[in-house]
PDB file of N, CA and C in Angstrom:
ATOM      1  N   MET A   1      44.438 -32.042-108.137  1.00  0.00           N
ATOM      2  CA  MET A   1      45.060 -31.317-109.213  1.00  0.00           C
ATOM      3  C   MET A   1      45.593 -29.965-108.726  1.00  0.00           C
ATOM      4  N   GLY A   2      45.753 -29.785-107.428  1.00  0.00           N
ATOM      5  CA  GLY A   2      46.270 -28.524-106.908  1.00  0.00           C
ATOM      6  C   GLY A   2      47.780 -28.534-106.822  1.00  0.00           C
ATOM      7  N   PHE A   3      48.325 -27.619-106.044  1.00  0.00           N
ATOM      8  CA  PHE A   3      49.768 -27.512-105.863  1.00  0.00           C
ATOM      9  C   PHE A   3      50.203 -28.267-104.608  1.00  0.00           C
ATOM     10  N   ASP A   4      49.766 -29.495-104.484  1.00  0.00           N
ATOM     11  CA  ASP A   4      50.099 -30.297-103.313  1.00  0.00           C
ATOM     12  C   ASP A   4      51.469 -30.945-103.444  1.00  0.00           C
ATOM     13  N   SER A   5      51.900 -31.217-104.638  1.00  0.00           N
ATOM     14  CA  SER A   5      53.134 -31.946-104.878  1.00  0.00           C
ATOM     15  C   SER A   5      54.311 -30.981-105.023  1.00  0.00           C
ATOM     16  N   ILE A   6      55.483 -31.445-104.626  1.00  0.00           N
ATOM     17  CA  ILE A   6      56.701 -30.655-104.788  1.00  0.00           C
ATOM     18  C   ILE A   6      57.002 -30.442-106.256  1.00  0.00           C
ATOM     19  N   TRP A   7      56.601 -31.373-107.106  1.00  0.00           N
ATOM     20  CA  TRP A   7      56.831 -31.256-108.543  1.00  0.00           C
ATOM     21  C   TRP A   7      56.051 -30.088-109.136  1.00  0.00           C
ATOM     22  N   HIS A   8      54.823 -29.916-108.669  1.00  0.00           N
ATOM     23  CA  HIS A   8      54.018 -28.783-109.149  1.00  0.00           C
ATOM     24  C   HIS A   8      54.699 -27.449-108.801  1.00  0.00           C
ATOM     25  N   TRP A   9      55.190 -27.336-107.544  1.00  0.00           N
ATOM     26  CA  TRP A   9      55.873 -26.118-107.115  1.00  0.00           C
ATOM     27  C   TRP A   9      57.168 -25.913-107.898  1.00  0.00           C
ATOM     28  N   GLY A  10      57.884 -26.974-108.156  1.00  0.00           N
ATOM     29  CA  GLY A  10      59.125 -26.878-108.926  1.00  0.00           C
ATOM     30  C   GLY A  10      58.880 -26.375-110.337  1.00  0.00           C
ATOM     31  N   ILE A  11      57.879 -26.935-110.990  1.00  0.00           N
ATOM     32  CA  ILE A  11      57.530 -26.504-112.350  1.00  0.00           C
ATOM     33  C   ILE A  11      57.073 -25.046-112.332  1.00  0.00           C
ATOM     34  N   PHE A  12      56.289 -24.699-111.334  1.00  0.00           N
ATOM     35  CA  PHE A  12      55.808 -23.314-111.217  1.00  0.00           C
ATOM     36  C   PHE A  12      56.978 -22.344-111.057  1.00  0.00           C
ATOM     37  N   LEU A  13      57.951 -22.674-110.219  1.00  0.00           N
ATOM     38  CA  LEU A  13      59.111 -21.806-110.005  1.00  0.00           C
ATOM     39  C   LEU A  13      59.966 -21.689-111.267  1.00  0.00           C
ATOM     40  N   VAL A  14      60.120 -22.775-111.997  1.00  0.00           N
ATOM     41  CA  VAL A  14      60.882 -22.723-113.250  1.00  0.00           C
ATOM     42  C   VAL A  14      60.195 -21.799-114.248  1.00  0.00           C
ATOM     43  N   ILE A  15      58.879 -21.883-114.344  1.00  0.00           N
ATOM     44  CA  ILE A  15      58.131 -21.011-115.266  1.00  0.00           C
ATOM     45  C   ILE A  15      58.267 -19.553-114.842  1.00  0.00           C
ATOM     46  N   VAL A  16      58.178 -19.275-113.561  1.00  0.00           N
ATOM     47  CA  VAL A  16      58.318 -17.904-113.064  1.00  0.00           C
ATOM     48  C   VAL A  16      59.711 -17.377-113.375  1.00  0.00           C
ATOM     49  N   LEU A  17      60.738 -18.189-113.148  1.00  0.00           N
ATOM     50  CA  LEU A  17      62.105 -17.769-113.456  1.00  0.00           C
ATOM     51  C   LEU A  17      62.286 -17.495-114.944  1.00  0.00           C
ATOM     52  N   LEU A  18      61.683 -18.314-115.780  1.00  0.00           N
ATOM     53  CA  LEU A  18      61.797 -18.100-117.223  1.00  0.00           C
ATOM     54  C   LEU A  18      61.072 -16.830-117.667  1.00  0.00           C
ATOM     55  N   LEU A  19      59.933 -16.556-117.057  1.00  0.00           N
ATOM     56  CA  LEU A  19      59.153 -15.377-117.444  1.00  0.00           C
ATOM     57  C   LEU A  19      59.807 -14.083-116.979  1.00  0.00           C
ATOM     58  N   PHE A  20      60.203 -14.037-115.731  1.00  0.00           N
ATOM     59  CA  PHE A  20      60.678 -12.781-115.152  1.00  0.00           C
ATOM     60  C   PHE A  20      62.196 -12.660-115.126  1.00  0.00           C
ATOM     61  N   GLY A  21      62.896 -13.733-115.064  1.00  0.00           N
ATOM     62  CA  GLY A  21      64.353 -13.675-114.977  1.00  0.00           C
ATOM     63  C   GLY A  21      64.799 -13.451-113.550  1.00  0.00           C
ATOM     64  N   THR A  22      66.030 -13.820-113.278  1.00  0.00           N
ATOM     65  CA  THR A  22      66.532 -13.722-111.901  1.00  0.00           C
ATOM     66  C   THR A  22      66.758 -12.277-111.477  1.00  0.00           C
ATOM     67  N   LYS A  23      67.069 -11.397-112.420  1.00  0.00           N
ATOM     68  CA  LYS A  23      67.331  -9.993-112.078  1.00  0.00           C
ATOM     69  C   LYS A  23      66.080  -9.321-111.515  1.00  0.00           C
ATOM     70  N   LYS A  24      64.953  -9.528-112.175  1.00  0.00           N
ATOM     71  CA  LYS A  24      63.714  -8.895-111.708  1.00  0.00           C
ATOM     72  C   LYS A  24      63.280  -9.476-110.367  1.00  0.00           C
ATOM     73  N   ILE A  25      63.460 -10.773-110.201  1.00  0.00           N
ATOM     74  CA  ILE A  25      63.066 -11.396-108.940  1.00  0.00           C
ATOM     75  C   ILE A  25      63.990 -10.927-107.820  1.00  0.00           C
ATOM     76  N   ARG A  26      65.282 -10.752-108.105  1.00  0.00           N
ATOM     77  CA  ARG A  26      66.241 -10.278-107.112  1.00  0.00           C
ATOM     78  C   ARG A  26      65.892  -8.857-106.660  1.00  0.00           C
ATOM     79  N   ASN A  27      65.406  -8.036-107.565  1.00  0.00           N
ATOM     80  CA  ASN A  27      65.073  -6.649-107.242  1.00  0.00           C
ATOM     81  C   ASN A  27      63.695  -6.505-106.610  1.00  0.00           C
ATOM     82  N   LEU A  28      62.945  -7.574-106.539  1.00  0.00           N
ATOM     83  CA  LEU A  28      61.582  -7.520-106.013  1.00  0.00           C
ATOM     84  C   LEU A  28      61.554  -7.130-104.535  1.00  0.00           C
ATOM     85  N   GLY A  29      62.474  -7.682-103.725  1.00  0.00           N
ATOM     86  CA  GLY A  29      62.510  -7.390-102.284  1.00  0.00           C
ATOM     87  C   GLY A  29      62.766  -5.927-101.986  1.00  0.00           C
ATOM     88  N   PRO A  30      63.869  -5.355-102.513  1.00  0.00           N
ATOM     89  CA  PRO A  30      64.136  -3.935-102.240  1.00  0.00           C
ATOM     90  C   PRO A  30      63.037  -3.009-102.790  1.00  0.00           C
ATOM     91  N   ASP A  31      62.489  -3.352-103.937  1.00  0.00           N
ATOM     92  CA  ASP A  31      61.419  -2.524-104.500  1.00  0.00           C
ATOM     93  C   ASP A  31      60.183  -2.541-103.612  1.00  0.00           C
ATOM     94  N   LEU A  32      59.875  -3.723-103.086  1.00  0.00           N
ATOM     95  CA  LEU A  32      58.724  -3.836-102.189  1.00  0.00           C
ATOM     96  C   LEU A  32      58.978  -3.055-100.901  1.00  0.00           C
ATOM     97  N   GLY A  33      60.210  -3.137-100.368  1.00  0.00           N
ATOM     98  CA  GLY A  33      60.564  -2.379 -99.157  1.00  0.00           C
ATOM     99  C   GLY A  33      60.457  -0.885 -99.374  1.00  0.00           C
ATOM    100  N   GLU A  34      60.912  -0.401-100.538  1.00  0.00           N
ATOM    101  CA  GLU A  34      60.799   1.026-100.864  1.00  0.00           C
ATOM    102  C   GLU A  34      59.350   1.467-100.956  1.00  0.00           C
ATOM    103  N   ALA A  35      58.534   0.615-101.544  1.00  0.00           N
ATOM    104  CA  ALA A  35      57.118   0.950-101.689  1.00  0.00           C
ATOM    105  C   ALA A  35      56.452   1.068-100.321  1.00  0.00           C
ATOM    106  N   ILE A  36      56.784   0.169 -99.418  1.00  0.00           N
ATOM    107  CA  ILE A  36      56.194   0.216 -98.071  1.00  0.00           C
ATOM    108  C   ILE A  36      56.671   1.455 -97.321  1.00  0.00           C
ATOM    109  N   ARG A  37      57.983   1.774 -97.423  1.00  0.00           N
ATOM    110  CA  ARG A  37      58.501   2.988 -96.768  1.00  0.00           C
ATOM    111  C   ARG A  37      57.849   4.245 -97.346  1.00  0.00           C
ATOM    112  N   GLY A  38      57.663   4.264 -98.645  1.00  0.00           N
ATOM    113  CA  GLY A  38      57.012   5.411 -99.280  1.00  0.00           C
ATOM    114  C   GLY A  38      55.584   5.573 -98.810  1.00  0.00           C
ATOM    115  N   PHE A  39      54.894   4.442 -98.652  1.00  0.00           N
ATOM    116  CA  PHE A  39      53.518   4.481 -98.167  1.00  0.00           C
ATOM    117  C   PHE A  39      53.456   5.014 -96.742  1.00  0.00           C
ATOM    118  N   LYS A  40      54.351   4.532 -95.887  1.00  0.00           N
ATOM    119  CA  LYS A  40      54.383   5.011 -94.500  1.00  0.00           C
ATOM    120  C   LYS A  40      54.713   6.496 -94.438  1.00  0.00           C
ATOM    121  N   LYS A  41      55.663   6.912 -95.272  1.00  0.00           N
ATOM    122  CA  LYS A  41      56.045   8.319 -95.308  1.00  0.00           C
ATOM    123  C   LYS A  41      54.888   9.182 -95.804  1.00  0.00           C
ATOM    124  N   GLY A  42      54.133   8.649 -96.758  1.00  0.00           N
ATOM    125  CA  GLY A  42      52.970   9.368 -97.266  1.00  0.00           C
ATOM    126  C   GLY A  42      51.905   9.559 -96.210  1.00  0.00           C
ATOM    127  N   LEU A  43      51.739   8.566 -95.353  1.00  0.00           N
ATOM    128  CA  LEU A  43      50.753   8.673 -94.279  1.00  0.00           C
ATOM    129  C   LEU A  43      51.161   9.714 -93.249  1.00  0.00           C
ATOM    130  N   SER A  44      52.457   9.766 -92.927  1.00  0.00           N
ATOM    131  CA  SER A  44      52.912  10.731 -91.922  1.00  0.00           C
ATOM    132  C   SER A  44      53.418  12.013 -92.568  1.00  0.00           C
ATOM    133  N   GLY A  45      53.389  12.102 -93.874  1.00  0.00           N
ATOM    134  CA  GLY A  45      53.908  13.263 -94.586  1.00  0.00           C
ATOM    135  C   GLY A  45      53.111  14.524 -94.346  1.00  0.00           C
ATOM    136  N   ASP A  46      51.837  14.396 -94.021  1.00  0.00           N
ATOM    137  CA  ASP A  46      51.006  15.574 -93.774  1.00  0.00           C
ATOM    138  C   ASP A  46      51.540  16.375 -92.593  1.00  0.00           C
ATOM    139  N   ASP A  47      51.934  15.687 -91.531  1.00  0.00           N
ATOM    140  CA  ASP A  47      52.466  16.373 -90.357  1.00  0.00           C
ATOM    141  C   ASP A  47      53.768  17.082 -90.685  1.00  0.00           C
ATOM    142  N   GLU A  48      54.632  16.403 -91.428  1.00  0.00           N
ATOM    143  CA  GLU A  48      55.921  16.994 -91.783  1.00  0.00           C
ATOM    144  C   GLU A  48      55.736  18.191 -92.705  1.00  0.00           C
ATOM    145  N   ALA A  49      54.792  18.088 -93.630  1.00  0.00           N
ATOM    146  CA  ALA A  49      54.550  19.191 -94.562  1.00  0.00           C
ATOM    147  C   ALA A  49      54.031  20.416 -93.809  1.00  0.00           C
ATOM    148  N   LYS A  50      53.162  20.199 -92.833  1.00  0.00           N
ATOM    149  CA  LYS A  50      52.637  21.314 -92.046  1.00  0.00           C
ATOM    150  C   LYS A  50      53.752  21.987 -91.251  1.00  0.00           C
ATOM    151  N   LYS A  51      54.629  21.183 -90.640  1.00  0.00           N
ATOM    152  CA  LYS A  51      55.736  21.752 -89.873  1.00  0.00           C
ATOM    153  C   LYS A  51      56.651  22.567 -90.773  1.00  0.00           C
ATOM    154  N   LYS A  52      56.962  22.018 -91.934  1.00  0.00           N
ATOM    155  CA  LYS A  52      57.843  22.715 -92.860  1.00  0.00           C
ATOM    156  C   LYS A  52      57.213  24.018 -93.330  1.00  0.00           C
ATOM    157  N   GLU A  53      55.918  23.984 -93.609  1.00  0.00           N
ATOM    158  CA  GLU A  53      55.201  25.183 -94.052  1.00  0.00           C
ATOM    159  C   GLU A  53      55.198  26.249 -92.958  1.00  0.00           C
ATOM    160  N   GLU A  54      54.987  25.834 -91.709  1.00  0.00           N
ATOM    161  CA  GLU A  54      54.994  26.773 -90.593  1.00  0.00           C
ATOM    162  C   GLU A  54      56.375  27.391 -90.401  1.00  0.00           C
ATOM    163  N   GLU A  55      57.427  26.575 -90.550  1.00  0.00           N
ATOM    164  CA  GLU A  55      58.783  27.104 -90.407  1.00  0.00           C
ATOM    165  C   GLU A  55      59.093  28.122 -91.506  1.00  0.00           C
ATOM    166  N   GLU A  56      58.661  27.839 -92.726  1.00  0.00           N
ATOM    167  CA  GLU A  56      58.884  28.772 -93.828  1.00  0.00           C
ATOM    168  C   GLU A  56      58.120  30.076 -93.602  1.00  0.00           C
ATOM    169  N   GLU A  57      56.908  29.977 -93.102  1.00  0.00           N
ATOM    170  CA  GLU A  57      56.103  31.166 -92.829  1.00  0.00           C
ATOM    171  C   GLU A  57      56.751  32.008 -91.734  1.00  0.00           C
ATOM    172  N   ALA A  58      57.272  31.352 -90.683  1.00  0.00           N
ATOM    173  CA  ALA A  58      57.944  32.077 -89.602  1.00  0.00           C
ATOM    174  C   ALA A  58      59.201  32.776 -90.125  1.00  0.00           C
ATOM    175  N   ALA A  59      59.923  32.104 -91.017  1.00  0.00           N
ATOM    176  CA  ALA A  59      61.125  32.719 -91.587  1.00  0.00           C
ATOM    177  C   ALA A  59      60.750  33.932 -92.435  1.00  0.00           C
ATOM    178  N   ARG A  60      59.654  33.835 -93.198  1.00  0.00           N
ATOM    179  CA  ARG A  60      59.209  34.979 -94.014  1.00  0.00           C
ATOM    180  C   ARG A  60      58.809  36.156 -93.135  1.00  0.00           C
ATOM    181  N   ARG A  61      58.102  35.867 -92.040  1.00  0.00           N
ATOM    182  CA  ARG A  61      57.692  36.937 -91.122  1.00  0.00           C
ATOM    183  C   ARG A  61      58.905  37.624 -90.512  1.00  0.00           C
ATOM    184  N   LYS A  62      59.869  36.810 -90.089  1.00  0.00           N
ATOM    185  CA  LYS A  62      61.068  37.368 -89.470  1.00  0.00           C
ATOM    186  C   LYS A  62      61.822  38.246 -90.462  1.00  0.00           C
ATOM    187  N   GLU A  63      61.909  37.785 -91.706  1.00  0.00           N
ATOM    188  CA  GLU A  63      62.599  38.563 -92.732  1.00  0.00           C
ATOM    189  C   GLU A  63      61.860  39.868 -93.014  1.00  0.00           C
ATOM    190  N   ALA A  64      60.527  39.814 -93.056  1.00  0.00           N
ATOM    191  CA  ALA A  64      59.749  41.025 -93.300  1.00  0.00           C
ATOM    192  C   ALA A  64      59.924  42.023 -92.161  1.00  0.00           C
ATOM    193  N   GLU A  65      59.923  41.534 -90.922  1.00  0.00           N
ATOM    194  CA  GLU A  65      60.126  42.417 -89.773  1.00  0.00           C
ATOM    195  C   GLU A  65      61.516  43.051 -89.828  1.00  0.00           C
ATOM    196  N   GLN A  66      62.497  42.272 -90.237  1.00  0.00           N
ATOM    197  CA  GLN A  66      63.859  42.788 -90.326  1.00  0.00           C
ATOM    198  C   GLN A  66      63.947  43.867 -91.405  1.00  0.00           C
ATOM    199  N   LEU A  67      63.275  43.658 -92.527  1.00  0.00           N
ATOM    200  CA  LEU A  67      63.277  44.655 -93.598  1.00  0.00           C
ATOM    201  C   LEU A  67      62.607  45.951 -93.142  1.00  0.00           C
ATOM    202  N   ARG A  68      61.498  45.786 -92.411  1.00  0.00           N
ATOM    203  CA  ARG A  68      60.805  46.981 -91.904  1.00  0.00           C
ATOM    204  C   ARG A  68      61.700  47.742 -90.932  1.00  0.00           C
ATOM    205  N   ALA A  69      62.390  47.018 -90.064  1.00  0.00           N
ATOM    206  CA  ALA A  69      63.267  47.658 -89.080  1.00  0.00           C
ATOM    207  C   ALA A  69      64.433  48.350 -89.779  1.00  0.00           C
ATOM    208  N   ASP A  70      64.942  47.747 -90.840  1.00  0.00           N
ATOM    209  CA  ASP A  70      66.060  48.346 -91.571  1.00  0.00           C
ATOM    210  C   ASP A  70      65.620  49.557 -92.386  1.00  0.00           C
ATOM    211  N   SER A  71      64.388  49.577 -92.857  1.00  0.00           N
ATOM    212  CA  SER A  71      63.938  50.678 -93.708  1.00  0.00           C
ATOM    213  C   SER A  71      63.593  51.935 -92.902  1.00  0.00           C
ATOM    214  N   LYS A  72      63.237  51.802 -91.645  1.00  0.00           N
ATOM    215  CA  LYS A  72      62.894  52.967 -90.836  1.00  0.00           C
ATOM    216  C   LYS A  72      64.068  53.931 -90.668  1.00  0.00           C
ATOM    217  N   PRO A  73      65.261  53.474 -90.332  1.00  0.00           N
ATOM    218  CA  PRO A  73      66.387  54.420 -90.225  1.00  0.00           C
ATOM    219  C   PRO A  73      66.708  55.075 -91.570  1.00  0.00           C
ATOM    220  N   ALA A  74      66.533  54.350 -92.657  1.00  0.00           N
ATOM    221  CA  ALA A  74      66.808  54.928 -93.971  1.00  0.00           C
ATOM    222  C   ALA A  74      65.807  56.032 -94.279  1.00  0.00           C
ATOM    223  N   GLU A  75      64.539  55.819 -93.904  1.00  0.00           N
ATOM    224  CA  GLU A  75      63.521  56.856 -94.121  1.00  0.00           C
ATOM    225  C   GLU A  75      63.824  58.089 -93.278  1.00  0.00           C
ATOM    226  N   GLN A  76      64.239  57.859 -92.037  1.00  0.00           N
ATOM    227  CA  GLN A  76      64.552  58.988 -91.173  1.00  0.00           C
ATOM    228  C   GLN A  76      65.757  59.753 -91.704  1.00  0.00           C
ATOM    229  N   ALA A  77      66.726  59.065 -92.224  1.00  0.00           N
ATOM    230  CA  ALA A  77      67.921  59.724 -92.764  1.00  0.00           C
ATOM    231  C   ALA A  77      67.557  60.537 -93.997  1.00  0.00           C
ATOM    232  N   SER A  78      66.666  60.018 -94.838  1.00  0.00           N
ATOM    233  CA  SER A  78      66.289  60.768 -96.039  1.00  0.00           C
ATOM    234  C   SER A  78      65.470  62.004 -95.654  1.00  0.00           C
ATOM    235  N   LYS A  79      64.635  61.883 -94.643  1.00  0.00           N
ATOM    236  CA  LYS A  79      63.881  63.048 -94.178  1.00  0.00           C
ATOM    237  C   LYS A  79      64.822  64.086 -93.583  1.00  0.00           C
ATOM    238  N   GLN A  80      65.831  63.618 -92.847  1.00  0.00           N
ATOM    239  CA  GLN A  80      66.811  64.520 -92.251  1.00  0.00           C
ATOM    240  C   GLN A  80      67.580  65.247 -93.348  1.00  0.00           C
ATOM    241  N   GLY A  81      67.900  64.519 -94.408  1.00  0.00           N
ATOM    242  CA  GLY A  81      68.604  65.131 -95.524  1.00  0.00           C
ATOM    243  C   GLY A  81      67.755  66.186 -96.198  1.00  0.00           C
ATOM    244  N   GLN A  82      66.454  65.970 -96.275  1.00  0.00           N
ATOM    245  CA  GLN A  82      65.556  66.953 -96.873  1.00  0.00           C
ATOM    246  C   GLN A  82      65.487  68.200 -96.000  1.00  0.00           C
ATOM    247  N   HIS A  83      65.453  68.000 -94.681  1.00  0.00           N
ATOM    248  CA  HIS A  83      65.426  69.152 -93.780  1.00  0.00           C
ATOM    249  C   HIS A  83      66.714  69.963 -93.880  1.00  0.00           C
ATOM    250  N   ASP A  84      67.824  69.286 -93.966  1.00  0.00           N
ATOM    251  CA  ASP A  84      69.118  69.971 -94.063  1.00  0.00           C
ATOM    252  C   ASP A  84      69.218  70.795 -95.341  1.00  0.00           C
ATOM    253  N   SER A  85      68.755  70.251 -96.438  1.00  0.00           N
ATOM    254  CA  SER A  85      68.859  70.964 -97.709  1.00  0.00           C
ATOM    255  C   SER A  85      67.929  72.171 -97.758  1.00  0.00           C
ATOM    256  N   SER A  86      66.809  72.092 -97.067  1.00  0.00           N
ATOM    257  CA  SER A  86      65.890  73.247 -97.075  1.00  0.00           C
ATOM    258  C   SER A  86      66.429  74.373 -96.194  1.00  0.00           C
ATOM    259  N   GLU A  87      67.226  74.049 -95.184  1.00  0.00           N
ATOM    260  CA  GLU A  87      67.761  75.071 -94.323  1.00  0.00           C
ATOM    261  C   GLU A  87      68.860  75.874 -94.998  1.00  0.00           C
ATOM    262  N   THR A  88      69.568  75.272 -95.927  1.00  0.00           N
ATOM    263  CA  THR A  88      70.684  75.955 -96.570  1.00  0.00           C
ATOM    264  C   THR A  88      70.218  76.913 -97.649  1.00  0.00           C
ATOM    265  N   ARG A  89      69.031  76.853 -98.077  1.00  0.00           N
ATOM    266  CA  ARG A  89      68.554  77.733 -99.147  1.00  0.00           C
ATOM    267  C   ARG A  89      68.320  79.098 -98.660  1.00  0.00           C
TER     268      ARG A  89
END
């Protein structure tokens, strides 16, 4: 009483087609492939996330250093301006 006969498989396939329709069965392959790729990406995603985080941190540090370097001449100029104004009094 198992699925030994071709007739059993034929009836089973007809029932599956009636239940799910050809559209859902046609989309089953690509959906399964996407799920597997997503799973693989999830497993290796930790390494990529760490690299991205490190790159962002390096960019923030570089920007902060640049801001500090740019602010020093402005501070010196403002101090120079204060000295100049006190001399004219």
